[in-house]
Amino acid sequence: SPLVKTAIAGEDANWGRVVMAVGK
C-alpha cells in the first residue's frame, strides 16, 4: 500500500491506512 508506506516514511503510525489495506 503506497498510503501505508508513505505514512511510515513520515513516521506516522496511521492505523487507518492499515485498516484500509486489510479491508481491500
PDBML (XML) file of the C-alpha atoms, coordinates in Angstrom:
<?xml version="1.0" encoding="UTF-8" ?>
<PDBx:datablock datablockName="MODEL"
   xmlns:PDBx="http://pdbml.pdb.org/schema/pdbx-v50.xsd"
   xmlns:xsi="http://www.w3.org/2001/XMLSchema-instance"
   xsi:schemaLocation="http://pdbml.pdb.org/schema/pdbx-v50.xsd pdbx-v50.xsd">
   <PDBx:atom_siteCategory>
      <PDBx:atom_site id="1">
         <PDBx:B_iso_or_equiv>0.00</PDBx:B_iso_or_equiv>
         <PDBx:Cartn_x>0.000</PDBx:Cartn_x>
         <PDBx:Cartn_y>0.000</PDBx:Cartn_y>
         <PDBx:Cartn_z>0.000</PDBx:Cartn_z>
         <PDBx:auth_asym_id>A</PDBx:auth_asym_id>
         <PDBx:auth_atom_id>CA</PDBx:auth_atom_id>
         <PDBx:auth_comp_id>SER</PDBx:auth_comp_id>
         <PDBx:auth_seq_id>1</PDBx:auth_seq_id>
         <PDBx:group_PDB>ATOM</PDBx:group_PDB>
         <PDBx:label_alt_id xsi:nil="true" />
         <PDBx:label_asym_id>A</PDBx:label_asym_id>
         <PDBx:label_atom_id>CA</PDBx:label_atom_id>
         <PDBx:label_comp_id>SER</PDBx:label_comp_id>
         <PDBx:label_entity_id>1</PDBx:label_entity_id>
         <PDBx:label_seq_id>1</PDBx:label_seq_id>
         <PDBx:occupancy>1.00</PDBx:occupancy>
         <PDBx:pdbx_PDB_model_num>1</PDBx:pdbx_PDB_model_num>
         <PDBx:type_symbol>C</PDBx:type_symbol>
      </PDBx:atom_site>
      <PDBx:atom_site id="2">
         <PDBx:B_iso_or_equiv>0.00</PDBx:B_iso_or_equiv>
         <PDBx:Cartn_x>1.531</PDBx:Cartn_x>
         <PDBx:Cartn_y>3.353</PDBx:Cartn_y>
         <PDBx:Cartn_z>-1.020</PDBx:Cartn_z>
         <PDBx:auth_asym_id>A</PDBx:auth_asym_id>
         <PDBx:auth_atom_id>CA</PDBx:auth_atom_id>
         <PDBx:auth_comp_id>PRO</PDBx:auth_comp_id>
         <PDBx:auth_seq_id>2</PDBx:auth_seq_id>
         <PDBx:group_PDB>ATOM</PDBx:group_PDB>
         <PDBx:label_alt_id xsi:nil="true" />
         <PDBx:label_asym_id>A</PDBx:label_asym_id>
         <PDBx:label_atom_id>CA</PDBx:label_atom_id>
         <PDBx:label_comp_id>PRO</PDBx:label_comp_id>
         <PDBx:label_entity_id>1</PDBx:label_entity_id>
         <PDBx:label_seq_id>2</PDBx:label_seq_id>
         <PDBx:occupancy>1.00</PDBx:occupancy>
         <PDBx:pdbx_PDB_model_num>1</PDBx:pdbx_PDB_model_num>
         <PDBx:type_symbol>C</PDBx:type_symbol>
      </PDBx:atom_site>
      <PDBx:atom_site id="3">
         <PDBx:B_iso_or_equiv>0.00</PDBx:B_iso_or_equiv>
         <PDBx:Cartn_x>-0.515</PDBx:Cartn_x>
         <PDBx:Cartn_y>5.010</PDBx:Cartn_y>
         <PDBx:Cartn_z>1.724</PDBx:Cartn_z>
         <PDBx:auth_asym_id>A</PDBx:auth_asym_id>
         <PDBx:auth_atom_id>CA</PDBx:auth_atom_id>
         <PDBx:auth_comp_id>LEU</PDBx:auth_comp_id>
         <PDBx:auth_seq_id>3</PDBx:auth_seq_id>
         <PDBx:group_PDB>ATOM</PDBx:group_PDB>
         <PDBx:label_alt_id xsi:nil="true" />
         <PDBx:label_asym_id>A</PDBx:label_asym_id>
         <PDBx:label_atom_id>CA</PDBx:label_atom_id>
         <PDBx:label_comp_id>LEU</PDBx:label_comp_id>
         <PDBx:label_entity_id>1</PDBx:label_entity_id>
         <PDBx:label_seq_id>3</PDBx:label_seq_id>
         <PDBx:occupancy>1.00</PDBx:occupancy>
         <PDBx:pdbx_PDB_model_num>1</PDBx:pdbx_PDB_model_num>
         <PDBx:type_symbol>C</PDBx:type_symbol>
      </PDBx:atom_site>
      <PDBx:atom_site id="4">
         <PDBx:B_iso_or_equiv>0.00</PDBx:B_iso_or_equiv>
         <PDBx:Cartn_x>0.836</PDBx:Cartn_x>
         <PDBx:Cartn_y>2.709</PDBx:Cartn_y>
         <PDBx:Cartn_z>4.437</PDBx:Cartn_z>
         <PDBx:auth_asym_id>A</PDBx:auth_asym_id>
         <PDBx:auth_atom_id>CA</PDBx:auth_atom_id>
         <PDBx:auth_comp_id>VAL</PDBx:auth_comp_id>
         <PDBx:auth_seq_id>4</PDBx:auth_seq_id>
         <PDBx:group_PDB>ATOM</PDBx:group_PDB>
         <PDBx:label_alt_id xsi:nil="true" />
         <PDBx:label_asym_id>A</PDBx:label_asym_id>
         <PDBx:label_atom_id>CA</PDBx:label_atom_id>
         <PDBx:label_comp_id>VAL</PDBx:label_comp_id>
         <PDBx:label_entity_id>1</PDBx:label_entity_id>
         <PDBx:label_seq_id>4</PDBx:label_seq_id>
         <PDBx:occupancy>1.00</PDBx:occupancy>
         <PDBx:pdbx_PDB_model_num>1</PDBx:pdbx_PDB_model_num>
         <PDBx:type_symbol>C</PDBx:type_symbol>
      </PDBx:atom_site>
      <PDBx:atom_site id="5">
         <PDBx:B_iso_or_equiv>0.00</PDBx:B_iso_or_equiv>
         <PDBx:Cartn_x>4.382</PDBx:Cartn_x>
         <PDBx:Cartn_y>3.013</PDBx:Cartn_y>
         <PDBx:Cartn_z>3.123</PDBx:Cartn_z>
         <PDBx:auth_asym_id>A</PDBx:auth_asym_id>
         <PDBx:auth_atom_id>CA</PDBx:auth_atom_id>
         <PDBx:auth_comp_id>LYS</PDBx:auth_comp_id>
         <PDBx:auth_seq_id>5</PDBx:auth_seq_id>
         <PDBx:group_PDB>ATOM</PDBx:group_PDB>
         <PDBx:label_alt_id xsi:nil="true" />
         <PDBx:label_asym_id>A</PDBx:label_asym_id>
         <PDBx:label_atom_id>CA</PDBx:label_atom_id>
         <PDBx:label_comp_id>LYS</PDBx:label_comp_id>
         <PDBx:label_entity_id>1</PDBx:label_entity_id>
         <PDBx:label_seq_id>5</PDBx:label_seq_id>
         <PDBx:occupancy>1.00</PDBx:occupancy>
         <PDBx:pdbx_PDB_model_num>1</PDBx:pdbx_PDB_model_num>
         <PDBx:type_symbol>C</PDBx:type_symbol>
      </PDBx:atom_site>
      <PDBx:atom_site id="6">
         <PDBx:B_iso_or_equiv>0.00</PDBx:B_iso_or_equiv>
         <PDBx:Cartn_x>4.313</PDBx:Cartn_x>
         <PDBx:Cartn_y>6.817</PDBx:Cartn_y>
         <PDBx:Cartn_z>2.880</PDBx:Cartn_z>
         <PDBx:auth_asym_id>A</PDBx:auth_asym_id>
         <PDBx:auth_atom_id>CA</PDBx:auth_atom_id>
         <PDBx:auth_comp_id>THR</PDBx:auth_comp_id>
         <PDBx:auth_seq_id>6</PDBx:auth_seq_id>
         <PDBx:group_PDB>ATOM</PDBx:group_PDB>
         <PDBx:label_alt_id xsi:nil="true" />
         <PDBx:label_asym_id>A</PDBx:label_asym_id>
         <PDBx:label_atom_id>CA</PDBx:label_atom_id>
         <PDBx:label_comp_id>THR</PDBx:label_comp_id>
         <PDBx:label_entity_id>1</PDBx:label_entity_id>
         <PDBx:label_seq_id>6</PDBx:label_seq_id>
         <PDBx:occupancy>1.00</PDBx:occupancy>
         <PDBx:pdbx_PDB_model_num>1</PDBx:pdbx_PDB_model_num>
         <PDBx:type_symbol>C</PDBx:type_symbol>
      </PDBx:atom_site>
      <PDBx:atom_site id="7">
         <PDBx:B_iso_or_equiv>0.00</PDBx:B_iso_or_equiv>
         <PDBx:Cartn_x>2.844</PDBx:Cartn_x>
         <PDBx:Cartn_y>7.068</PDBx:Cartn_y>
         <PDBx:Cartn_z>6.381</PDBx:Cartn_z>
         <PDBx:auth_asym_id>A</PDBx:auth_asym_id>
         <PDBx:auth_atom_id>CA</PDBx:auth_atom_id>
         <PDBx:auth_comp_id>ALA</PDBx:auth_comp_id>
         <PDBx:auth_seq_id>7</PDBx:auth_seq_id>
         <PDBx:group_PDB>ATOM</PDBx:group_PDB>
         <PDBx:label_alt_id xsi:nil="true" />
         <PDBx:label_asym_id>A</PDBx:label_asym_id>
         <PDBx:label_atom_id>CA</PDBx:label_atom_id>
         <PDBx:label_comp_id>ALA</PDBx:label_comp_id>
         <PDBx:label_entity_id>1</PDBx:label_entity_id>
         <PDBx:label_seq_id>7</PDBx:label_seq_id>
         <PDBx:occupancy>1.00</PDBx:occupancy>
         <PDBx:pdbx_PDB_model_num>1</PDBx:pdbx_PDB_model_num>
         <PDBx:type_symbol>C</PDBx:type_symbol>
      </PDBx:atom_site>
      <PDBx:atom_site id="8">
         <PDBx:B_iso_or_equiv>0.00</PDBx:B_iso_or_equiv>
         <PDBx:Cartn_x>5.780</PDBx:Cartn_x>
         <PDBx:Cartn_y>5.035</PDBx:Cartn_y>
         <PDBx:Cartn_z>7.683</PDBx:Cartn_z>
         <PDBx:auth_asym_id>A</PDBx:auth_asym_id>
         <PDBx:auth_atom_id>CA</PDBx:auth_atom_id>
         <PDBx:auth_comp_id>ILE</PDBx:auth_comp_id>
         <PDBx:auth_seq_id>8</PDBx:auth_seq_id>
         <PDBx:group_PDB>ATOM</PDBx:group_PDB>
         <PDBx:label_alt_id xsi:nil="true" />
         <PDBx:label_asym_id>A</PDBx:label_asym_id>
         <PDBx:label_atom_id>CA</PDBx:label_atom_id>
         <PDBx:label_comp_id>ILE</PDBx:label_comp_id>
         <PDBx:label_entity_id>1</PDBx:label_entity_id>
         <PDBx:label_seq_id>8</PDBx:label_seq_id>
         <PDBx:occupancy>1.00</PDBx:occupancy>
         <PDBx:pdbx_PDB_model_num>1</PDBx:pdbx_PDB_model_num>
         <PDBx:type_symbol>C</PDBx:type_symbol>
      </PDBx:atom_site>
      <PDBx:atom_site id="9">
         <PDBx:B_iso_or_equiv>0.00</PDBx:B_iso_or_equiv>
         <PDBx:Cartn_x>8.166</PDBx:Cartn_x>
         <PDBx:Cartn_y>7.275</PDBx:Cartn_y>
         <PDBx:Cartn_z>5.741</PDBx:Cartn_z>
         <PDBx:auth_asym_id>A</PDBx:auth_asym_id>
         <PDBx:auth_atom_id>CA</PDBx:auth_atom_id>
         <PDBx:auth_comp_id>ALA</PDBx:auth_comp_id>
         <PDBx:auth_seq_id>9</PDBx:auth_seq_id>
         <PDBx:group_PDB>ATOM</PDBx:group_PDB>
         <PDBx:label_alt_id xsi:nil="true" />
         <PDBx:label_asym_id>A</PDBx:label_asym_id>
         <PDBx:label_atom_id>CA</PDBx:label_atom_id>
         <PDBx:label_comp_id>ALA</PDBx:label_comp_id>
         <PDBx:label_entity_id>1</PDBx:label_entity_id>
         <PDBx:label_seq_id>9</PDBx:label_seq_id>
         <PDBx:occupancy>1.00</PDBx:occupancy>
         <PDBx:pdbx_PDB_model_num>1</PDBx:pdbx_PDB_model_num>
         <PDBx:type_symbol>C</PDBx:type_symbol>
      </PDBx:atom_site>
      <PDBx:atom_site id="10">
         <PDBx:B_iso_or_equiv>0.00</PDBx:B_iso_or_equiv>
         <PDBx:Cartn_x>6.552</PDBx:Cartn_x>
         <PDBx:Cartn_y>10.209</PDBx:Cartn_y>
         <PDBx:Cartn_z>7.529</PDBx:Cartn_z>
         <PDBx:auth_asym_id>A</PDBx:auth_asym_id>
         <PDBx:auth_atom_id>CA</PDBx:auth_atom_id>
         <PDBx:auth_comp_id>GLY</PDBx:auth_comp_id>
         <PDBx:auth_seq_id>10</PDBx:auth_seq_id>
         <PDBx:group_PDB>ATOM</PDBx:group_PDB>
         <PDBx:label_alt_id xsi:nil="true" />
         <PDBx:label_asym_id>A</PDBx:label_asym_id>
         <PDBx:label_atom_id>CA</PDBx:label_atom_id>
         <PDBx:label_comp_id>GLY</PDBx:label_comp_id>
         <PDBx:label_entity_id>1</PDBx:label_entity_id>
         <PDBx:label_seq_id>10</PDBx:label_seq_id>
         <PDBx:occupancy>1.00</PDBx:occupancy>
         <PDBx:pdbx_PDB_model_num>1</PDBx:pdbx_PDB_model_num>
         <PDBx:type_symbol>C</PDBx:type_symbol>
      </PDBx:atom_site>
      <PDBx:atom_site id="11">
         <PDBx:B_iso_or_equiv>0.00</PDBx:B_iso_or_equiv>
         <PDBx:Cartn_x>6.928</PDBx:Cartn_x>
         <PDBx:Cartn_y>8.372</PDBx:Cartn_y>
         <PDBx:Cartn_z>10.872</PDBx:Cartn_z>
         <PDBx:auth_asym_id>A</PDBx:auth_asym_id>
         <PDBx:auth_atom_id>CA</PDBx:auth_atom_id>
         <PDBx:auth_comp_id>GLU</PDBx:auth_comp_id>
         <PDBx:auth_seq_id>11</PDBx:auth_seq_id>
         <PDBx:group_PDB>ATOM</PDBx:group_PDB>
         <PDBx:label_alt_id xsi:nil="true" />
         <PDBx:label_asym_id>A</PDBx:label_asym_id>
         <PDBx:label_atom_id>CA</PDBx:label_atom_id>
         <PDBx:label_comp_id>GLU</PDBx:label_comp_id>
         <PDBx:label_entity_id>1</PDBx:label_entity_id>
         <PDBx:label_seq_id>11</PDBx:label_seq_id>
         <PDBx:occupancy>1.00</PDBx:occupancy>
         <PDBx:pdbx_PDB_model_num>1</PDBx:pdbx_PDB_model_num>
         <PDBx:type_symbol>C</PDBx:type_symbol>
      </PDBx:atom_site>
      <PDBx:atom_site id="12">
         <PDBx:B_iso_or_equiv>0.00</PDBx:B_iso_or_equiv>
         <PDBx:Cartn_x>3.163</PDBx:Cartn_x>
         <PDBx:Cartn_y>8.370</PDBx:Cartn_y>
         <PDBx:Cartn_z>11.317</PDBx:Cartn_z>
         <PDBx:auth_asym_id>A</PDBx:auth_asym_id>
         <PDBx:auth_atom_id>CA</PDBx:auth_atom_id>
         <PDBx:auth_comp_id>ASP</PDBx:auth_comp_id>
         <PDBx:auth_seq_id>12</PDBx:auth_seq_id>
         <PDBx:group_PDB>ATOM</PDBx:group_PDB>
         <PDBx:label_alt_id xsi:nil="true" />
         <PDBx:label_asym_id>A</PDBx:label_asym_id>
         <PDBx:label_atom_id>CA</PDBx:label_atom_id>
         <PDBx:label_comp_id>ASP</PDBx:label_comp_id>
         <PDBx:label_entity_id>1</PDBx:label_entity_id>
         <PDBx:label_seq_id>12</PDBx:label_seq_id>
         <PDBx:occupancy>1.00</PDBx:occupancy>
         <PDBx:pdbx_PDB_model_num>1</PDBx:pdbx_PDB_model_num>
         <PDBx:type_symbol>C</PDBx:type_symbol>
      </PDBx:atom_site>
      <PDBx:atom_site id="13">
         <PDBx:B_iso_or_equiv>0.00</PDBx:B_iso_or_equiv>
         <PDBx:Cartn_x>1.534</PDBx:Cartn_x>
         <PDBx:Cartn_y>5.334</PDBx:Cartn_y>
         <PDBx:Cartn_z>12.954</PDBx:Cartn_z>
         <PDBx:auth_asym_id>A</PDBx:auth_asym_id>
         <PDBx:auth_atom_id>CA</PDBx:auth_atom_id>
         <PDBx:auth_comp_id>ALA</PDBx:auth_comp_id>
         <PDBx:auth_seq_id>13</PDBx:auth_seq_id>
         <PDBx:group_PDB>ATOM</PDBx:group_PDB>
         <PDBx:label_alt_id xsi:nil="true" />
         <PDBx:label_asym_id>A</PDBx:label_asym_id>
         <PDBx:label_atom_id>CA</PDBx:label_atom_id>
         <PDBx:label_comp_id>ALA</PDBx:label_comp_id>
         <PDBx:label_entity_id>1</PDBx:label_entity_id>
         <PDBx:label_seq_id>13</PDBx:label_seq_id>
         <PDBx:occupancy>1.00</PDBx:occupancy>
         <PDBx:pdbx_PDB_model_num>1</PDBx:pdbx_PDB_model_num>
         <PDBx:type_symbol>C</PDBx:type_symbol>
      </PDBx:atom_site>
      <PDBx:atom_site id="14">
         <PDBx:B_iso_or_equiv>0.00</PDBx:B_iso_or_equiv>
         <PDBx:Cartn_x>-1.548</PDBx:Cartn_x>
         <PDBx:Cartn_y>5.766</PDBx:Cartn_y>
         <PDBx:Cartn_z>10.800</PDBx:Cartn_z>
         <PDBx:auth_asym_id>A</PDBx:auth_asym_id>
         <PDBx:auth_atom_id>CA</PDBx:auth_atom_id>
         <PDBx:auth_comp_id>ASN</PDBx:auth_comp_id>
         <PDBx:auth_seq_id>14</PDBx:auth_seq_id>
         <PDBx:group_PDB>ATOM</PDBx:group_PDB>
         <PDBx:label_alt_id xsi:nil="true" />
         <PDBx:label_asym_id>A</PDBx:label_asym_id>
         <PDBx:label_atom_id>CA</PDBx:label_atom_id>
         <PDBx:label_comp_id>ASN</PDBx:label_comp_id>
         <PDBx:label_entity_id>1</PDBx:label_entity_id>
         <PDBx:label_seq_id>14</PDBx:label_seq_id>
         <PDBx:occupancy>1.00</PDBx:occupancy>
         <PDBx:pdbx_PDB_model_num>1</PDBx:pdbx_PDB_model_num>
         <PDBx:type_symbol>C</PDBx:type_symbol>
      </PDBx:atom_site>
      <PDBx:atom_site id="15">
         <PDBx:B_iso_or_equiv>0.00</PDBx:B_iso_or_equiv>
         <PDBx:Cartn_x>-3.597</PDBx:Cartn_x>
         <PDBx:Cartn_y>2.685</PDBx:Cartn_y>
         <PDBx:Cartn_z>11.652</PDBx:Cartn_z>
         <PDBx:auth_asym_id>A</PDBx:auth_asym_id>
         <PDBx:auth_atom_id>CA</PDBx:auth_atom_id>
         <PDBx:auth_comp_id>TRP</PDBx:auth_comp_id>
         <PDBx:auth_seq_id>15</PDBx:auth_seq_id>
         <PDBx:group_PDB>ATOM</PDBx:group_PDB>
         <PDBx:label_alt_id xsi:nil="true" />
         <PDBx:label_asym_id>A</PDBx:label_asym_id>
         <PDBx:label_atom_id>CA</PDBx:label_atom_id>
         <PDBx:label_comp_id>TRP</PDBx:label_comp_id>
         <PDBx:label_entity_id>1</PDBx:label_entity_id>
         <PDBx:label_seq_id>15</PDBx:label_seq_id>
         <PDBx:occupancy>1.00</PDBx:occupancy>
         <PDBx:pdbx_PDB_model_num>1</PDBx:pdbx_PDB_model_num>
         <PDBx:type_symbol>C</PDBx:type_symbol>
      </PDBx:atom_site>
      <PDBx:atom_site id="16">
         <PDBx:B_iso_or_equiv>0.00</PDBx:B_iso_or_equiv>
         <PDBx:Cartn_x>-6.447</PDBx:Cartn_x>
         <PDBx:Cartn_y>3.891</PDBx:Cartn_y>
         <PDBx:Cartn_z>9.462</PDBx:Cartn_z>
         <PDBx:auth_asym_id>A</PDBx:auth_asym_id>
         <PDBx:auth_atom_id>CA</PDBx:auth_atom_id>
         <PDBx:auth_comp_id>GLY</PDBx:auth_comp_id>
         <PDBx:auth_seq_id>16</PDBx:auth_seq_id>
         <PDBx:group_PDB>ATOM</PDBx:group_PDB>
         <PDBx:label_alt_id xsi:nil="true" />
         <PDBx:label_asym_id>A</PDBx:label_asym_id>
         <PDBx:label_atom_id>CA</PDBx:label_atom_id>
         <PDBx:label_comp_id>GLY</PDBx:label_comp_id>
         <PDBx:label_entity_id>1</PDBx:label_entity_id>
         <PDBx:label_seq_id>16</PDBx:label_seq_id>
         <PDBx:occupancy>1.00</PDBx:occupancy>
         <PDBx:pdbx_PDB_model_num>1</PDBx:pdbx_PDB_model_num>
         <PDBx:type_symbol>C</PDBx:type_symbol>
      </PDBx:atom_site>
      <PDBx:atom_site id="17">
         <PDBx:B_iso_or_equiv>0.00</PDBx:B_iso_or_equiv>
         <PDBx:Cartn_x>-4.336</PDBx:Cartn_x>
         <PDBx:Cartn_y>3.148</PDBx:Cartn_y>
         <PDBx:Cartn_z>6.403</PDBx:Cartn_z>
         <PDBx:auth_asym_id>A</PDBx:auth_asym_id>
         <PDBx:auth_atom_id>CA</PDBx:auth_atom_id>
         <PDBx:auth_comp_id>ARG</PDBx:auth_comp_id>
         <PDBx:auth_seq_id>17</PDBx:auth_seq_id>
         <PDBx:group_PDB>ATOM</PDBx:group_PDB>
         <PDBx:label_alt_id xsi:nil="true" />
         <PDBx:label_asym_id>A</PDBx:label_asym_id>
         <PDBx:label_atom_id>CA</PDBx:label_atom_id>
         <PDBx:label_comp_id>ARG</PDBx:label_comp_id>
         <PDBx:label_entity_id>1</PDBx:label_entity_id>
         <PDBx:label_seq_id>17</PDBx:label_seq_id>
         <PDBx:occupancy>1.00</PDBx:occupancy>
         <PDBx:pdbx_PDB_model_num>1</PDBx:pdbx_PDB_model_num>
         <PDBx:type_symbol>C</PDBx:type_symbol>
      </PDBx:atom_site>
      <PDBx:atom_site id="18">
         <PDBx:B_iso_or_equiv>0.00</PDBx:B_iso_or_equiv>
         <PDBx:Cartn_x>-3.607</PDBx:Cartn_x>
         <PDBx:Cartn_y>-0.329</PDBx:Cartn_y>
         <PDBx:Cartn_z>7.728</PDBx:Cartn_z>
         <PDBx:auth_asym_id>A</PDBx:auth_asym_id>
         <PDBx:auth_atom_id>CA</PDBx:auth_atom_id>
         <PDBx:auth_comp_id>VAL</PDBx:auth_comp_id>
         <PDBx:auth_seq_id>18</PDBx:auth_seq_id>
         <PDBx:group_PDB>ATOM</PDBx:group_PDB>
         <PDBx:label_alt_id xsi:nil="true" />
         <PDBx:label_asym_id>A</PDBx:label_asym_id>
         <PDBx:label_atom_id>CA</PDBx:label_atom_id>
         <PDBx:label_comp_id>VAL</PDBx:label_comp_id>
         <PDBx:label_entity_id>1</PDBx:label_entity_id>
         <PDBx:label_seq_id>18</PDBx:label_seq_id>
         <PDBx:occupancy>1.00</PDBx:occupancy>
         <PDBx:pdbx_PDB_model_num>1</PDBx:pdbx_PDB_model_num>
         <PDBx:type_symbol>C</PDBx:type_symbol>
      </PDBx:atom_site>
      <PDBx:atom_site id="19">
         <PDBx:B_iso_or_equiv>0.00</PDBx:B_iso_or_equiv>
         <PDBx:Cartn_x>-7.337</PDBx:Cartn_x>
         <PDBx:Cartn_y>-0.924</PDBx:Cartn_y>
         <PDBx:Cartn_z>8.233</PDBx:Cartn_z>
         <PDBx:auth_asym_id>A</PDBx:auth_asym_id>
         <PDBx:auth_atom_id>CA</PDBx:auth_atom_id>
         <PDBx:auth_comp_id>VAL</PDBx:auth_comp_id>
         <PDBx:auth_seq_id>19</PDBx:auth_seq_id>
         <PDBx:group_PDB>ATOM</PDBx:group_PDB>
         <PDBx:label_alt_id xsi:nil="true" />
         <PDBx:label_asym_id>A</PDBx:label_asym_id>
         <PDBx:label_atom_id>CA</PDBx:label_atom_id>
         <PDBx:label_comp_id>VAL</PDBx:label_comp_id>
         <PDBx:label_entity_id>1</PDBx:label_entity_id>
         <PDBx:label_seq_id>19</PDBx:label_seq_id>
         <PDBx:occupancy>1.00</PDBx:occupancy>
         <PDBx:pdbx_PDB_model_num>1</PDBx:pdbx_PDB_model_num>
         <PDBx:type_symbol>C</PDBx:type_symbol>
      </PDBx:atom_site>
      <PDBx:atom_site id="20">
         <PDBx:B_iso_or_equiv>0.00</PDBx:B_iso_or_equiv>
         <PDBx:Cartn_x>-7.869</PDBx:Cartn_x>
         <PDBx:Cartn_y>0.175</PDBx:Cartn_y>
         <PDBx:Cartn_z>4.626</PDBx:Cartn_z>
         <PDBx:auth_asym_id>A</PDBx:auth_asym_id>
         <PDBx:auth_atom_id>CA</PDBx:auth_atom_id>
         <PDBx:auth_comp_id>MET</PDBx:auth_comp_id>
         <PDBx:auth_seq_id>20</PDBx:auth_seq_id>
         <PDBx:group_PDB>ATOM</PDBx:group_PDB>
         <PDBx:label_alt_id xsi:nil="true" />
         <PDBx:label_asym_id>A</PDBx:label_asym_id>
         <PDBx:label_atom_id>CA</PDBx:label_atom_id>
         <PDBx:label_comp_id>MET</PDBx:label_comp_id>
         <PDBx:label_entity_id>1</PDBx:label_entity_id>
         <PDBx:label_seq_id>20</PDBx:label_seq_id>
         <PDBx:occupancy>1.00</PDBx:occupancy>
         <PDBx:pdbx_PDB_model_num>1</PDBx:pdbx_PDB_model_num>
         <PDBx:type_symbol>C</PDBx:type_symbol>
      </PDBx:atom_site>
      <PDBx:atom_site id="21">
         <PDBx:B_iso_or_equiv>0.00</PDBx:B_iso_or_equiv>
         <PDBx:Cartn_x>-5.224</PDBx:Cartn_x>
         <PDBx:Cartn_y>-2.277</PDBx:Cartn_y>
         <PDBx:Cartn_z>3.365</PDBx:Cartn_z>
         <PDBx:auth_asym_id>A</PDBx:auth_asym_id>
         <PDBx:auth_atom_id>CA</PDBx:auth_atom_id>
         <PDBx:auth_comp_id>ALA</PDBx:auth_comp_id>
         <PDBx:auth_seq_id>21</PDBx:auth_seq_id>
         <PDBx:group_PDB>ATOM</PDBx:group_PDB>
         <PDBx:label_alt_id xsi:nil="true" />
         <PDBx:label_asym_id>A</PDBx:label_asym_id>
         <PDBx:label_atom_id>CA</PDBx:label_atom_id>
         <PDBx:label_comp_id>ALA</PDBx:label_comp_id>
         <PDBx:label_entity_id>1</PDBx:label_entity_id>
         <PDBx:label_seq_id>21</PDBx:label_seq_id>
         <PDBx:occupancy>1.00</PDBx:occupancy>
         <PDBx:pdbx_PDB_model_num>1</PDBx:pdbx_PDB_model_num>
         <PDBx:type_symbol>C</PDBx:type_symbol>
      </PDBx:atom_site>
      <PDBx:atom_site id="22">
         <PDBx:B_iso_or_equiv>0.00</PDBx:B_iso_or_equiv>
         <PDBx:Cartn_x>-6.704</PDBx:Cartn_x>
         <PDBx:Cartn_y>-5.148</PDBx:Cartn_y>
         <PDBx:Cartn_z>5.384</PDBx:Cartn_z>
         <PDBx:auth_asym_id>A</PDBx:auth_asym_id>
         <PDBx:auth_atom_id>CA</PDBx:auth_atom_id>
         <PDBx:auth_comp_id>VAL</PDBx:auth_comp_id>
         <PDBx:auth_seq_id>22</PDBx:auth_seq_id>
         <PDBx:group_PDB>ATOM</PDBx:group_PDB>
         <PDBx:label_alt_id xsi:nil="true" />
         <PDBx:label_asym_id>A</PDBx:label_asym_id>
         <PDBx:label_atom_id>CA</PDBx:label_atom_id>
         <PDBx:label_comp_id>VAL</PDBx:label_comp_id>
         <PDBx:label_entity_id>1</PDBx:label_entity_id>
         <PDBx:label_seq_id>22</PDBx:label_seq_id>
         <PDBx:occupancy>1.00</PDBx:occupancy>
         <PDBx:pdbx_PDB_model_num>1</PDBx:pdbx_PDB_model_num>
         <PDBx:type_symbol>C</PDBx:type_symbol>
      </PDBx:atom_site>
      <PDBx:atom_site id="23">
         <PDBx:B_iso_or_equiv>0.00</PDBx:B_iso_or_equiv>
         <PDBx:Cartn_x>-10.184</PDBx:Cartn_x>
         <PDBx:Cartn_y>-4.409</PDBx:Cartn_y>
         <PDBx:Cartn_z>4.102</PDBx:Cartn_z>
         <PDBx:auth_asym_id>A</PDBx:auth_asym_id>
         <PDBx:auth_atom_id>CA</PDBx:auth_atom_id>
         <PDBx:auth_comp_id>GLY</PDBx:auth_comp_id>
         <PDBx:auth_seq_id>23</PDBx:auth_seq_id>
         <PDBx:group_PDB>ATOM</PDBx:group_PDB>
         <PDBx:label_alt_id xsi:nil="true" />
         <PDBx:label_asym_id>A</PDBx:label_asym_id>
         <PDBx:label_atom_id>CA</PDBx:label_atom_id>
         <PDBx:label_comp_id>GLY</PDBx:label_comp_id>
         <PDBx:label_entity_id>1</PDBx:label_entity_id>
         <PDBx:label_seq_id>23</PDBx:label_seq_id>
         <PDBx:occupancy>1.00</PDBx:occupancy>
         <PDBx:pdbx_PDB_model_num>1</PDBx:pdbx_PDB_model_num>
         <PDBx:type_symbol>C</PDBx:type_symbol>
      </PDBx:atom_site>
      <PDBx:atom_site id="24">
         <PDBx:B_iso_or_equiv>0.00</PDBx:B_iso_or_equiv>
         <PDBx:Cartn_x>-9.229</PDBx:Cartn_x>
         <PDBx:Cartn_y>-4.237</PDBx:Cartn_y>
         <PDBx:Cartn_z>0.432</PDBx:Cartn_z>
         <PDBx:auth_asym_id>A</PDBx:auth_asym_id>
         <PDBx:auth_atom_id>CA</PDBx:auth_atom_id>
         <PDBx:auth_comp_id>LYS</PDBx:auth_comp_id>
         <PDBx:auth_seq_id>24</PDBx:auth_seq_id>
         <PDBx:group_PDB>ATOM</PDBx:group_PDB>
         <PDBx:label_alt_id xsi:nil="true" />
         <PDBx:label_asym_id>A</PDBx:label_asym_id>
         <PDBx:label_atom_id>CA</PDBx:label_atom_id>
         <PDBx:label_comp_id>LYS</PDBx:label_comp_id>
         <PDBx:label_entity_id>1</PDBx:label_entity_id>
         <PDBx:label_seq_id>24</PDBx:label_seq_id>
         <PDBx:occupancy>1.00</PDBx:occupancy>
         <PDBx:pdbx_PDB_model_num>1</PDBx:pdbx_PDB_model_num>
         <PDBx:type_symbol>C</PDBx:type_symbol>
      </PDBx:atom_site>
   </PDBx:atom_siteCategory>
</PDBx:datablock>
